[in-house]
């Protein structure tokens, strides 16, 4: 859609188009002519959106910090769920997973060979030596944020520790691969290379995603990929990077009884770390530190 240079910009900033997104649109148009996949305008967040997402992300980080202070061997994953719910609502926010497509709890807790979407339960007790992913998503005044951390319960095996550490490195390397005007495929290529170098596989059934105004937005952020391919990463986009790295094979299956929890097919360990990130003109800003 063509815009007059002196009309208000489509992004909602209130600025004139020529002072706001005119050059941005020209660059995207040129990339489209060159055959690149470009983001829809709806994926570009304005200043107000970004501030809203940052406020949500601050609460989301606070939730994970709160869990970190209290998580221990002998507690149930239902207790983790209660910690998440209480902290979130006491800060005026909503746990995004609660009742999302029928998910019954406020957080995902995935232990050992569980890849993701573990459902908290009073009968699931954390044991010494477990590794557990706590995946928290928050809605604050309509804005979404999403992050997860791995926790090692007491003394864990060396292979478990190494998987957790390398998975965190995969997250960091994936984020480092993000460049304004780069491509989604750059992220997956970097993660895949680091996982493979360390003898691990990357889950392909689940991926990161755009986030902010909705829980899940475009683009899909695969953690495998080819550099220079996929959607262009334009400034103003907000997305999650959340690699799931398996000790063994990447294949998984989903619990037939609850329809949510996924497990490694070979029974070996899986780990995941996640951040919500903002793409800027200069690079990337991690919002969920």
C-alpha atoms as a PDB file:
ATOM      1  CA  UNK A   1       0.000   0.000   0.000  1.00  0.00           C
ATOM      2  CA  UNK A   2       1.420   3.343  -1.054  1.00  0.00           C
ATOM      3  CA  UNK A   3       1.444   6.097   1.553  1.00  0.00           C
ATOM      4  CA  UNK A   4       1.793   9.835   1.225  1.00  0.00           C
ATOM      5  CA  UNK A   5       5.120  10.908   2.704  1.00  0.00           C
ATOM      6  CA  UNK A   6       3.442  13.459   4.962  1.00  0.00           C
ATOM      7  CA  UNK A   7       0.658  11.163   6.198  1.00  0.00           C
ATOM      8  CA  UNK A   8       0.905   9.481   9.576  1.00  0.00           C
ATOM      9  CA  UNK A   9       2.959   6.292   9.467  1.00  0.00           C
ATOM     10  CA  UNK A  10       1.147   2.968   9.292  1.00  0.00           C
ATOM     11  CA  UNK A  11       2.987   1.719  12.402  1.00  0.00           C
ATOM     12  CA  UNK A  12       0.947   3.862  14.774  1.00  0.00           C
ATOM     13  CA  UNK A  13       3.863   5.967  16.010  1.00  0.00           C
ATOM     14  CA  UNK A  14       2.085   9.201  15.158  1.00  0.00           C
ATOM     15  CA  UNK A  15       5.073  10.373  13.107  1.00  0.00           C
ATOM     16  CA  UNK A  16       4.971  11.335   9.451  1.00  0.00           C
ATOM     17  CA  UNK A  17       5.670   8.389   7.145  1.00  0.00           C
ATOM     18  CA  UNK A  18       8.774  10.041   5.653  1.00  0.00           C
ATOM     19  CA  UNK A  19      10.253  10.408   9.160  1.00  0.00           C
ATOM     20  CA  UNK A  20       9.359   6.915  10.278  1.00  0.00           C
ATOM     21  CA  UNK A  21       9.074   3.824   8.037  1.00  0.00           C
ATOM     22  CA  UNK A  22       9.561   5.154   4.508  1.00  0.00           C
ATOM     23  CA  UNK A  23      13.192   4.012   4.190  1.00  0.00           C
ATOM     24  CA  UNK A  24      12.310   0.810   6.045  1.00  0.00           C
ATOM     25  CA  UNK A  25       9.593   0.014   3.477  1.00  0.00           C
ATOM     26  CA  UNK A  26      11.903   0.856   0.581  1.00  0.00           C
ATOM     27  CA  UNK A  27      14.478  -1.613   1.871  1.00  0.00           C
ATOM     28  CA  UNK A  28      11.900  -4.366   2.375  1.00  0.00           C
ATOM     29  CA  UNK A  29      10.426  -3.735  -1.075  1.00  0.00           C
ATOM     30  CA  UNK A  30      13.860  -4.096  -2.622  1.00  0.00           C
ATOM     31  CA  UNK A  31      14.448  -7.356  -0.742  1.00  0.00           C
ATOM     32  CA  UNK A  32      11.043  -8.625  -1.893  1.00  0.00           C
ATOM     33  CA  UNK A  33      12.002  -7.866  -5.501  1.00  0.00           C
ATOM     34  CA  UNK A  34      15.153  -9.911  -4.930  1.00  0.00           C
ATOM     35  CA  UNK A  35      13.028 -12.880  -3.903  1.00  0.00           C
ATOM     36  CA  UNK A  36      13.269 -12.686  -0.115  1.00  0.00           C
ATOM     37  CA  UNK A  37      10.326 -13.471   2.163  1.00  0.00           C
ATOM     38  CA  UNK A  38       9.464 -10.245   3.982  1.00  0.00           C
ATOM     39  CA  UNK A  39       7.409  -9.791   7.162  1.00  0.00           C
ATOM     40  CA  UNK A  40       3.886  -8.427   7.148  1.00  0.00           C
ATOM     41  CA  UNK A  41       3.518  -4.960   8.668  1.00  0.00           C
ATOM     42  CA  UNK A  42       1.483  -6.490  11.508  1.00  0.00           C
ATOM     43  CA  UNK A  43       4.696  -8.121  12.801  1.00  0.00           C
ATOM     44  CA  UNK A  44       6.499  -4.788  13.213  1.00  0.00           C
ATOM     45  CA  UNK A  45       6.060  -3.420  16.725  1.00  0.00           C
ATOM     46  CA  UNK A  46       5.983   0.321  17.389  1.00  0.00           C
ATOM     47  CA  UNK A  47       7.380   2.077  20.447  1.00  0.00           C
ATOM     48  CA  UNK A  48       4.203   1.604  22.505  1.00  0.00           C
ATOM     49  CA  UNK A  49       4.070  -2.100  21.636  1.00  0.00           C
ATOM     50  CA  UNK A  50       7.700  -2.581  22.595  1.00  0.00           C
ATOM     51  CA  UNK A  51       7.221  -0.845  25.926  1.00  0.00           C
ATOM     52  CA  UNK A  52       4.209  -3.053  26.625  1.00  0.00           C
ATOM     53  CA  UNK A  53       6.107  -6.227  25.747  1.00  0.00           C
ATOM     54  CA  UNK A  54       9.030  -5.137  27.915  1.00  0.00           C
ATOM     55  CA  UNK A  55       6.731  -4.675  30.913  1.00  0.00           C
ATOM     56  CA  UNK A  56       5.323  -8.152  30.330  1.00  0.00           C
ATOM     57  CA  UNK A  57       8.845  -9.546  29.974  1.00  0.00           C
ATOM     58  CA  UNK A  58       9.929  -7.957  33.255  1.00  0.00           C
ATOM     59  CA  UNK A  59       7.188  -9.825  35.093  1.00  0.00           C
ATOM     60  CA  UNK A  60       8.009 -13.014  33.178  1.00  0.00           C
ATOM     61  CA  UNK A  61      11.644 -12.769  34.276  1.00  0.00           C
ATOM     62  CA  UNK A  62      10.510 -12.112  37.833  1.00  0.00           C
ATOM     63  CA  UNK A  63       8.478 -15.317  37.752  1.00  0.00           C
ATOM     64  CA  UNK A  64      11.505 -17.367  36.717  1.00  0.00           C
ATOM     65  CA  UNK A  65      13.674 -15.664  39.348  1.00  0.00           C
ATOM     66  CA  UNK A  66      10.992 -16.525  41.920  1.00  0.00           C
ATOM     67  CA  UNK A  67      10.990 -20.171  40.834  1.00  0.00           C
ATOM     68  CA  UNK A  68      14.807 -20.247  40.963  1.00  0.00           C
ATOM     69  CA  UNK A  69      14.721 -19.211  44.628  1.00  0.00           C
ATOM     70  CA  UNK A  70      12.320 -21.966  45.654  1.00  0.00           C
ATOM     71  CA  UNK A  71      12.836 -24.972  43.376  1.00  0.00           C
ATOM     72  CA  UNK A  72      14.264 -27.992  45.200  1.00  0.00           C
ATOM     73  CA  UNK A  73      14.264 -31.766  45.429  1.00  0.00           C
ATOM     74  CA  UNK A  74      11.131 -33.120  47.086  1.00  0.00           C
ATOM     75  CA  UNK A  75       8.727 -30.478  45.781  1.00  0.00           C
ATOM     76  CA  UNK A  76       5.990 -31.332  43.316  1.00  0.00           C
ATOM     77  CA  UNK A  77       5.671 -29.689  39.936  1.00  0.00           C
ATOM     78  CA  UNK A  78       2.199 -28.576  41.113  1.00  0.00           C
ATOM     79  CA  UNK A  79       4.017 -26.432  43.693  1.00  0.00           C
ATOM     80  CA  UNK A  80       5.994 -24.818  40.869  1.00  0.00           C
ATOM     81  CA  UNK A  81       2.701 -24.108  39.112  1.00  0.00           C
ATOM     82  CA  UNK A  82       1.368 -22.442  42.262  1.00  0.00           C
ATOM     83  CA  UNK A  83       4.500 -20.289  42.578  1.00  0.00           C
ATOM     84  CA  UNK A  84       4.078 -19.158  38.970  1.00  0.00           C
ATOM     85  CA  UNK A  85       0.366 -18.433  39.298  1.00  0.00           C
ATOM     86  CA  UNK A  86       0.671 -16.529  42.571  1.00  0.00           C
ATOM     87  CA  UNK A  87       3.578 -14.348  41.445  1.00  0.00           C
ATOM     88  CA  UNK A  88       2.001 -13.595  38.073  1.00  0.00           C
ATOM     89  CA  UNK A  89      -1.425 -12.553  39.315  1.00  0.00           C
ATOM     90  CA  UNK A  90       0.041 -10.598  42.248  1.00  0.00           C
ATOM     91  CA  UNK A  91       1.784  -8.433  39.635  1.00  0.00           C
ATOM     92  CA  UNK A  92      -1.432  -7.788  37.729  1.00  0.00           C
ATOM     93  CA  UNK A  93      -0.650 -10.242  34.936  1.00  0.00           C
ATOM     94  CA  UNK A  94      -2.081 -13.488  33.549  1.00  0.00           C
ATOM     95  CA  UNK A  95      -0.232 -16.798  33.014  1.00  0.00           C
ATOM     96  CA  UNK A  96      -0.548 -17.251  29.244  1.00  0.00           C
ATOM     97  CA  UNK A  97      -0.549 -21.092  29.250  1.00  0.00           C
ATOM     98  CA  UNK A  98      -3.548 -21.356  31.613  1.00  0.00           C
ATOM     99  CA  UNK A  99      -6.480 -22.697  29.554  1.00  0.00           C
ATOM    100  CA  UNK A 100      -4.584 -22.002  26.299  1.00  0.00           C
ATOM    101  CA  UNK A 101      -6.065 -24.533  23.848  1.00  0.00           C
ATOM    102  CA  UNK A 102      -7.133 -26.532  26.878  1.00  0.00           C
ATOM    103  CA  UNK A 103      -3.775 -26.583  28.689  1.00  0.00           C
ATOM    104  CA  UNK A 104      -4.772 -26.976  32.350  1.00  0.00           C
ATOM    105  CA  UNK A 105      -1.940 -25.234  34.202  1.00  0.00           C
ATOM    106  CA  UNK A 106      -0.044 -21.918  34.394  1.00  0.00           C
ATOM    107  CA  UNK A 107       3.395 -23.222  33.386  1.00  0.00           C
ATOM    108  CA  UNK A 108       5.092 -26.111  31.594  1.00  0.00           C
ATOM    109  CA  UNK A 109       7.439 -28.282  33.681  1.00  0.00           C
ATOM    110  CA  UNK A 110       9.401 -30.813  31.612  1.00  0.00           C
ATOM    111  CA  UNK A 111      11.704 -33.266  33.390  1.00  0.00           C
ATOM    112  CA  UNK A 112      14.608 -35.360  32.039  1.00  0.00           C
ATOM    113  CA  UNK A 113      13.345 -37.117  28.869  1.00  0.00           C
ATOM    114  CA  UNK A 114      10.351 -34.791  28.542  1.00  0.00           C
ATOM    115  CA  UNK A 115      11.027 -32.458  25.628  1.00  0.00           C
ATOM    116  CA  UNK A 116       8.366 -29.838  26.377  1.00  0.00           C
ATOM    117  CA  UNK A 117       4.798 -29.147  27.555  1.00  0.00           C
ATOM    118  CA  UNK A 118       5.040 -31.155  30.751  1.00  0.00           C
ATOM    119  CA  UNK A 119       1.911 -30.630  32.856  1.00  0.00           C
ATOM    120  CA  UNK A 120       2.449 -29.821  36.549  1.00  0.00           C
ATOM    121  CA  UNK A 121       1.065 -32.480  38.884  1.00  0.00           C
ATOM    122  CA  UNK A 122       1.014 -32.940  42.644  1.00  0.00           C
ATOM    123  CA  UNK A 123       2.165 -36.531  42.114  1.00  0.00           C
ATOM    124  CA  UNK A 124       5.268 -35.579  40.111  1.00  0.00           C
ATOM    125  CA  UNK A 125       8.043 -34.965  42.641  1.00  0.00           C
ATOM    126  CA  UNK A 126      11.430 -33.487  41.747  1.00  0.00           C
ATOM    127  CA  UNK A 127      14.252 -35.880  42.575  1.00  0.00           C
ATOM    128  CA  UNK A 128      17.933 -35.320  43.211  1.00  0.00           C
ATOM    129  CA  UNK A 129      19.676 -35.544  39.831  1.00  0.00           C
ATOM    130  CA  UNK A 130      16.708 -34.375  37.741  1.00  0.00           C
ATOM    131  CA  UNK A 131      16.983 -31.684  35.112  1.00  0.00           C
ATOM    132  CA  UNK A 132      13.787 -29.705  34.605  1.00  0.00           C
ATOM    133  CA  UNK A 133      12.699 -27.017  32.175  1.00  0.00           C
ATOM    134  CA  UNK A 134      10.314 -24.382  33.537  1.00  0.00           C
ATOM    135  CA  UNK A 135       8.627 -22.558  30.655  1.00  0.00           C
ATOM    136  CA  UNK A 136       6.845 -19.343  31.657  1.00  0.00           C
ATOM    137  CA  UNK A 137       4.678 -17.101  29.475  1.00  0.00           C
ATOM    138  CA  UNK A 138       2.986 -13.924  30.671  1.00  0.00           C
ATOM    139  CA  UNK A 139       0.208 -11.607  29.487  1.00  0.00           C
ATOM    140  CA  UNK A 140       0.324  -8.057  30.855  1.00  0.00           C
ATOM    141  CA  UNK A 141      -2.173  -5.486  29.586  1.00  0.00           C
ATOM    142  CA  UNK A 142      -2.591  -7.560  26.415  1.00  0.00           C
ATOM    143  CA  UNK A 143       1.122  -8.010  25.701  1.00  0.00           C
ATOM    144  CA  UNK A 144       2.841 -11.404  25.714  1.00  0.00           C
ATOM    145  CA  UNK A 145       6.333 -12.552  26.706  1.00  0.00           C
ATOM    146  CA  UNK A 146       7.847 -16.025  26.876  1.00  0.00           C
ATOM    147  CA  UNK A 147      11.018 -17.566  28.364  1.00  0.00           C
ATOM    148  CA  UNK A 148      12.255 -20.771  29.939  1.00  0.00           C
ATOM    149  CA  UNK A 149      15.193 -21.966  32.009  1.00  0.00           C
ATOM    150  CA  UNK A 150      16.711 -25.292  32.917  1.00  0.00           C
ATOM    151  CA  UNK A 151      17.184 -26.171  36.575  1.00  0.00           C
ATOM    152  CA  UNK A 152      19.510 -28.886  37.828  1.00  0.00           C
ATOM    153  CA  UNK A 153      18.162 -30.468  41.018  1.00  0.00           C
ATOM    154  CA  UNK A 154      20.967 -31.167  43.472  1.00  0.00           C
ATOM    155  CA  UNK A 155      23.884 -33.146  42.076  1.00  0.00           C
ATOM    156  CA  UNK A 156      23.236 -34.193  38.490  1.00  0.00           C
ATOM    157  CA  UNK A 157      25.209 -36.510  36.232  1.00  0.00           C
ATOM    158  CA  UNK A 158      27.995 -35.105  34.108  1.00  0.00           C
ATOM    159  CA  UNK A 159      26.139 -35.925  30.889  1.00  0.00           C
ATOM    160  CA  UNK A 160      23.033 -34.101  32.182  1.00  0.00           C
ATOM    161  CA  UNK A 161      25.067 -31.053  33.178  1.00  0.00           C
ATOM    162  CA  UNK A 162      26.823 -30.944  29.836  1.00  0.00           C
ATOM    163  CA  UNK A 163      23.534 -31.164  27.923  1.00  0.00           C
ATOM    164  CA  UNK A 164      22.079 -28.290  29.960  1.00  0.00           C
ATOM    165  CA  UNK A 165      25.166 -26.144  29.400  1.00  0.00           C
ATOM    166  CA  UNK A 166      25.456 -26.827  25.665  1.00  0.00           C
ATOM    167  CA  UNK A 167      21.743 -26.156  25.197  1.00  0.00           C
ATOM    168  CA  UNK A 168      22.194 -22.752  26.823  1.00  0.00           C
ATOM    169  CA  UNK A 169      25.131 -22.131  24.471  1.00  0.00           C
ATOM    170  CA  UNK A 170      22.842 -23.052  21.551  1.00  0.00           C
ATOM    171  CA  UNK A 171      20.372 -20.386  22.706  1.00  0.00           C
ATOM    172  CA  UNK A 172      23.124 -17.781  23.012  1.00  0.00           C
ATOM    173  CA  UNK A 173      24.645 -18.675  19.637  1.00  0.00           C
ATOM    174  CA  UNK A 174      21.208 -18.600  17.984  1.00  0.00           C
ATOM    175  CA  UNK A 175      20.577 -15.111  19.351  1.00  0.00           C
ATOM    176  CA  UNK A 176      24.050 -13.957  18.282  1.00  0.00           C
ATOM    177  CA  UNK A 177      23.177 -15.049  14.728  1.00  0.00           C
ATOM    178  CA  UNK A 178      20.296 -12.558  14.584  1.00  0.00           C
ATOM    179  CA  UNK A 179      21.165  -9.500  12.533  1.00  0.00           C
ATOM    180  CA  UNK A 180      18.776  -6.783  11.339  1.00  0.00           C
ATOM    181  CA  UNK A 181      17.901  -7.556   7.718  1.00  0.00           C
ATOM    182  CA  UNK A 182      19.236 -11.086   8.140  1.00  0.00           C
ATOM    183  CA  UNK A 183      17.028 -14.186   7.920  1.00  0.00           C
ATOM    184  CA  UNK A 184      15.259 -16.626  10.206  1.00  0.00           C
ATOM    185  CA  UNK A 185      17.359 -19.447   8.749  1.00  0.00           C
ATOM    186  CA  UNK A 186      20.480 -17.847  10.214  1.00  0.00           C
ATOM    187  CA  UNK A 187      19.233 -18.751  13.708  1.00  0.00           C
ATOM    188  CA  UNK A 188      18.599 -22.415  13.007  1.00  0.00           C
ATOM    189  CA  UNK A 189      21.833 -22.847  11.074  1.00  0.00           C
ATOM    190  CA  UNK A 190      23.892 -21.547  14.000  1.00  0.00           C
ATOM    191  CA  UNK A 191      22.067 -23.666  16.586  1.00  0.00           C
ATOM    192  CA  UNK A 192      22.199 -26.804  14.476  1.00  0.00           C
ATOM    193  CA  UNK A 193      25.940 -26.463  13.899  1.00  0.00           C
ATOM    194  CA  UNK A 194      26.729 -26.050  17.600  1.00  0.00           C
ATOM    195  CA  UNK A 195      24.484 -28.932  18.687  1.00  0.00           C
ATOM    196  CA  UNK A 196      25.925 -31.251  16.062  1.00  0.00           C
ATOM    197  CA  UNK A 197      29.492 -30.301  16.993  1.00  0.00           C
ATOM    198  CA  UNK A 198      28.743 -31.424  20.532  1.00  0.00           C
ATOM    199  CA  UNK A 199      27.143 -34.701  19.491  1.00  0.00           C
ATOM    200  CA  UNK A 200      23.514 -33.686  20.084  1.00  0.00           C
ATOM    201  CA  UNK A 201      20.398 -33.492  17.936  1.00  0.00           C
ATOM    202  CA  UNK A 202      17.943 -30.605  17.532  1.00  0.00           C
ATOM    203  CA  UNK A 203      14.186 -31.112  17.915  1.00  0.00           C
ATOM    204  CA  UNK A 204      12.413 -30.217  14.686  1.00  0.00           C
ATOM    205  CA  UNK A 205       8.777 -30.790  15.741  1.00  0.00           C
ATOM    206  CA  UNK A 206       8.678 -27.602  17.844  1.00  0.00           C
ATOM    207  CA  UNK A 207      10.033 -24.141  17.126  1.00  0.00           C
ATOM    208  CA  UNK A 208      10.281 -20.570  18.326  1.00  0.00           C
ATOM    209  CA  UNK A 209       7.838 -17.968  17.070  1.00  0.00           C
ATOM    210  CA  UNK A 210       6.896 -14.340  16.847  1.00  0.00           C
ATOM    211  CA  UNK A 211       5.359 -13.006  20.038  1.00  0.00           C
ATOM    212  CA  UNK A 212       4.025  -9.800  21.557  1.00  0.00           C
ATOM    213  CA  UNK A 213       0.464  -8.993  20.572  1.00  0.00           C
ATOM    214  CA  UNK A 214      -0.434 -12.687  20.502  1.00  0.00           C
ATOM    215  CA  UNK A 215       1.032 -15.769  22.183  1.00  0.00           C
ATOM    216  CA  UNK A 216       2.165 -17.223  18.859  1.00  0.00           C
ATOM    217  CA  UNK A 217       2.755 -15.038  15.800  1.00  0.00           C
ATOM    218  CA  UNK A 218       4.717 -15.406  12.592  1.00  0.00           C
ATOM    219  CA  UNK A 219       7.436 -16.218  11.838  1.00  0.00           C
ATOM    220  CA  UNK A 220       8.047 -19.805  12.855  1.00  0.00           C
ATOM    221  CA  UNK A 221      11.620 -19.838  14.187  1.00  0.00           C
ATOM    222  CA  UNK A 222      13.004 -23.282  13.414  1.00  0.00           C
ATOM    223  CA  UNK A 223      16.120 -24.332  15.315  1.00  0.00           C
ATOM    224  CA  UNK A 224      17.459 -26.065  12.248  1.00  0.00           C
ATOM    225  CA  UNK A 225      17.950 -24.211   9.007  1.00  0.00           C
ATOM    226  CA  UNK A 226      20.116 -22.803   6.279  1.00  0.00           C
ATOM    227  CA  UNK A 227      21.689 -19.375   6.628  1.00  0.00           C
ATOM    228  CA  UNK A 228      20.284 -16.734   4.295  1.00  0.00           C
ATOM    229  CA  UNK A 229      16.896 -18.423   3.955  1.00  0.00           C
ATOM    230  CA  UNK A 230      13.483 -17.830   5.491  1.00  0.00           C
ATOM    231  CA  UNK A 231      11.745 -14.615   6.446  1.00  0.00           C
ATOM    232  CA  UNK A 232      13.748 -11.396   6.670  1.00  0.00           C
ATOM    233  CA  UNK A 233      14.413 -10.289  10.255  1.00  0.00           C
ATOM    234  CA  UNK A 234      13.409  -6.642  10.211  1.00  0.00           C
ATOM    235  CA  UNK A 235      13.850  -4.146  13.050  1.00  0.00           C
ATOM    236  CA  UNK A 236      10.752  -4.032  15.230  1.00  0.00           C
ATOM    237  CA  UNK A 237      10.094  -7.764  15.124  1.00  0.00           C
ATOM    238  CA  UNK A 238       9.851  -9.621  18.444  1.00  0.00           C
ATOM    239  CA  UNK A 239      10.338 -13.371  18.576  1.00  0.00           C
ATOM    240  CA  UNK A 240      11.371 -16.282  20.757  1.00  0.00           C
ATOM    241  CA  UNK A 241      14.457 -18.414  20.359  1.00  0.00           C
ATOM    242  CA  UNK A 242      13.941 -21.655  22.301  1.00  0.00           C
ATOM    243  CA  UNK A 243      16.082 -24.579  21.140  1.00  0.00           C
ATOM    244  CA  UNK A 244      15.230 -28.049  22.412  1.00  0.00           C
ATOM    245  CA  UNK A 245      18.354 -30.178  22.291  1.00  0.00           C
ATOM    246  CA  UNK A 246      18.344 -33.946  22.720  1.00  0.00           C
ATOM    247  CA  UNK A 247      21.089 -36.137  24.112  1.00  0.00           C
ATOM    248  CA  UNK A 248      20.161 -38.818  21.595  1.00  0.00           C
ATOM    249  CA  UNK A 249      17.929 -38.779  18.532  1.00  0.00           C
ATOM    250  CA  UNK A 250      15.619 -35.854  17.728  1.00  0.00           C
ATOM    251  CA  UNK A 251      12.505 -37.991  17.377  1.00  0.00           C
ATOM    252  CA  UNK A 252       9.774 -37.596  19.982  1.00  0.00           C
ATOM    253  CA  UNK A 253       6.257 -38.690  20.808  1.00  0.00           C
ATOM    254  CA  UNK A 254       3.358 -36.980  22.575  1.00  0.00           C
ATOM    255  CA  UNK A 255       1.617 -38.466  25.585  1.00  0.00           C
ATOM    256  CA  UNK A 256      -1.555 -40.109  24.301  1.00  0.00           C
ATOM    257  CA  UNK A 257      -3.360 -39.590  27.595  1.00  0.00           C
ATOM    258  CA  UNK A 258      -2.914 -35.838  28.093  1.00  0.00           C
ATOM    259  CA  UNK A 259      -2.227 -34.787  24.501  1.00  0.00           C
ATOM    260  CA  UNK A 260       0.495 -32.338  25.567  1.00  0.00           C
ATOM    261  CA  UNK A 261       3.662 -33.735  27.122  1.00  0.00           C
ATOM    262  CA  UNK A 262       6.291 -34.753  24.576  1.00  0.00           C
ATOM    263  CA  UNK A 263       9.047 -37.275  25.294  1.00  0.00           C
ATOM    264  CA  UNK A 264      12.232 -38.303  23.527  1.00  0.00           C
ATOM    265  CA  UNK A 265      11.521 -41.481  21.595  1.00  0.00           C
ATOM    266  CA  UNK A 266      14.741 -43.120  22.786  1.00  0.00           C
ATOM    267  CA  UNK A 267      14.253 -42.164  26.439  1.00  0.00           C
ATOM    268  CA  UNK A 268      17.395 -40.044  26.566  1.00  0.00           C
ATOM    269  CA  UNK A 269      17.593 -36.564  28.091  1.00  0.00           C
ATOM    270  CA  UNK A 270      16.324 -33.340  26.534  1.00  0.00           C
ATOM    271  CA  UNK A 271      16.963 -29.712  27.506  1.00  0.00           C
ATOM    272  CA  UNK A 272      15.639 -26.294  26.488  1.00  0.00           C
ATOM    273  CA  UNK A 273      16.358 -22.616  27.147  1.00  0.00           C
ATOM    274  CA  UNK A 274      14.338 -19.687  25.808  1.00  0.00           C
ATOM    275  CA  UNK A 275      14.390 -15.912  25.515  1.00  0.00           C
ATOM    276  CA  UNK A 276      12.121 -13.308  23.957  1.00  0.00           C
ATOM    277  CA  UNK A 277      14.173 -10.952  21.790  1.00  0.00           C
ATOM    278  CA  UNK A 278      13.605  -7.652  19.989  1.00  0.00           C
ATOM    279  CA  UNK A 279      15.318  -6.986  16.670  1.00  0.00           C
ATOM    280  CA  UNK A 280      16.649  -3.423  16.506  1.00  0.00           C
ATOM    281  CA  UNK A 281      18.442  -1.348  13.887  1.00  0.00           C
ATOM    282  CA  UNK A 282      21.713  -2.138  15.651  1.00  0.00           C
ATOM    283  CA  UNK A 283      21.218  -5.797  16.477  1.00  0.00           C
ATOM    284  CA  UNK A 284      19.140  -7.614  19.053  1.00  0.00           C
ATOM    285  CA  UNK A 285      17.901  -6.878  22.561  1.00  0.00           C
ATOM    286  CA  UNK A 286      17.068  -9.742  24.906  1.00  0.00           C
ATOM    287  CA  UNK A 287      13.885  -8.752  26.759  1.00  0.00           C
ATOM    288  CA  UNK A 288      13.677 -11.646  29.212  1.00  0.00           C
ATOM    289  CA  UNK A 289      16.981 -11.308  31.083  1.00  0.00           C
END
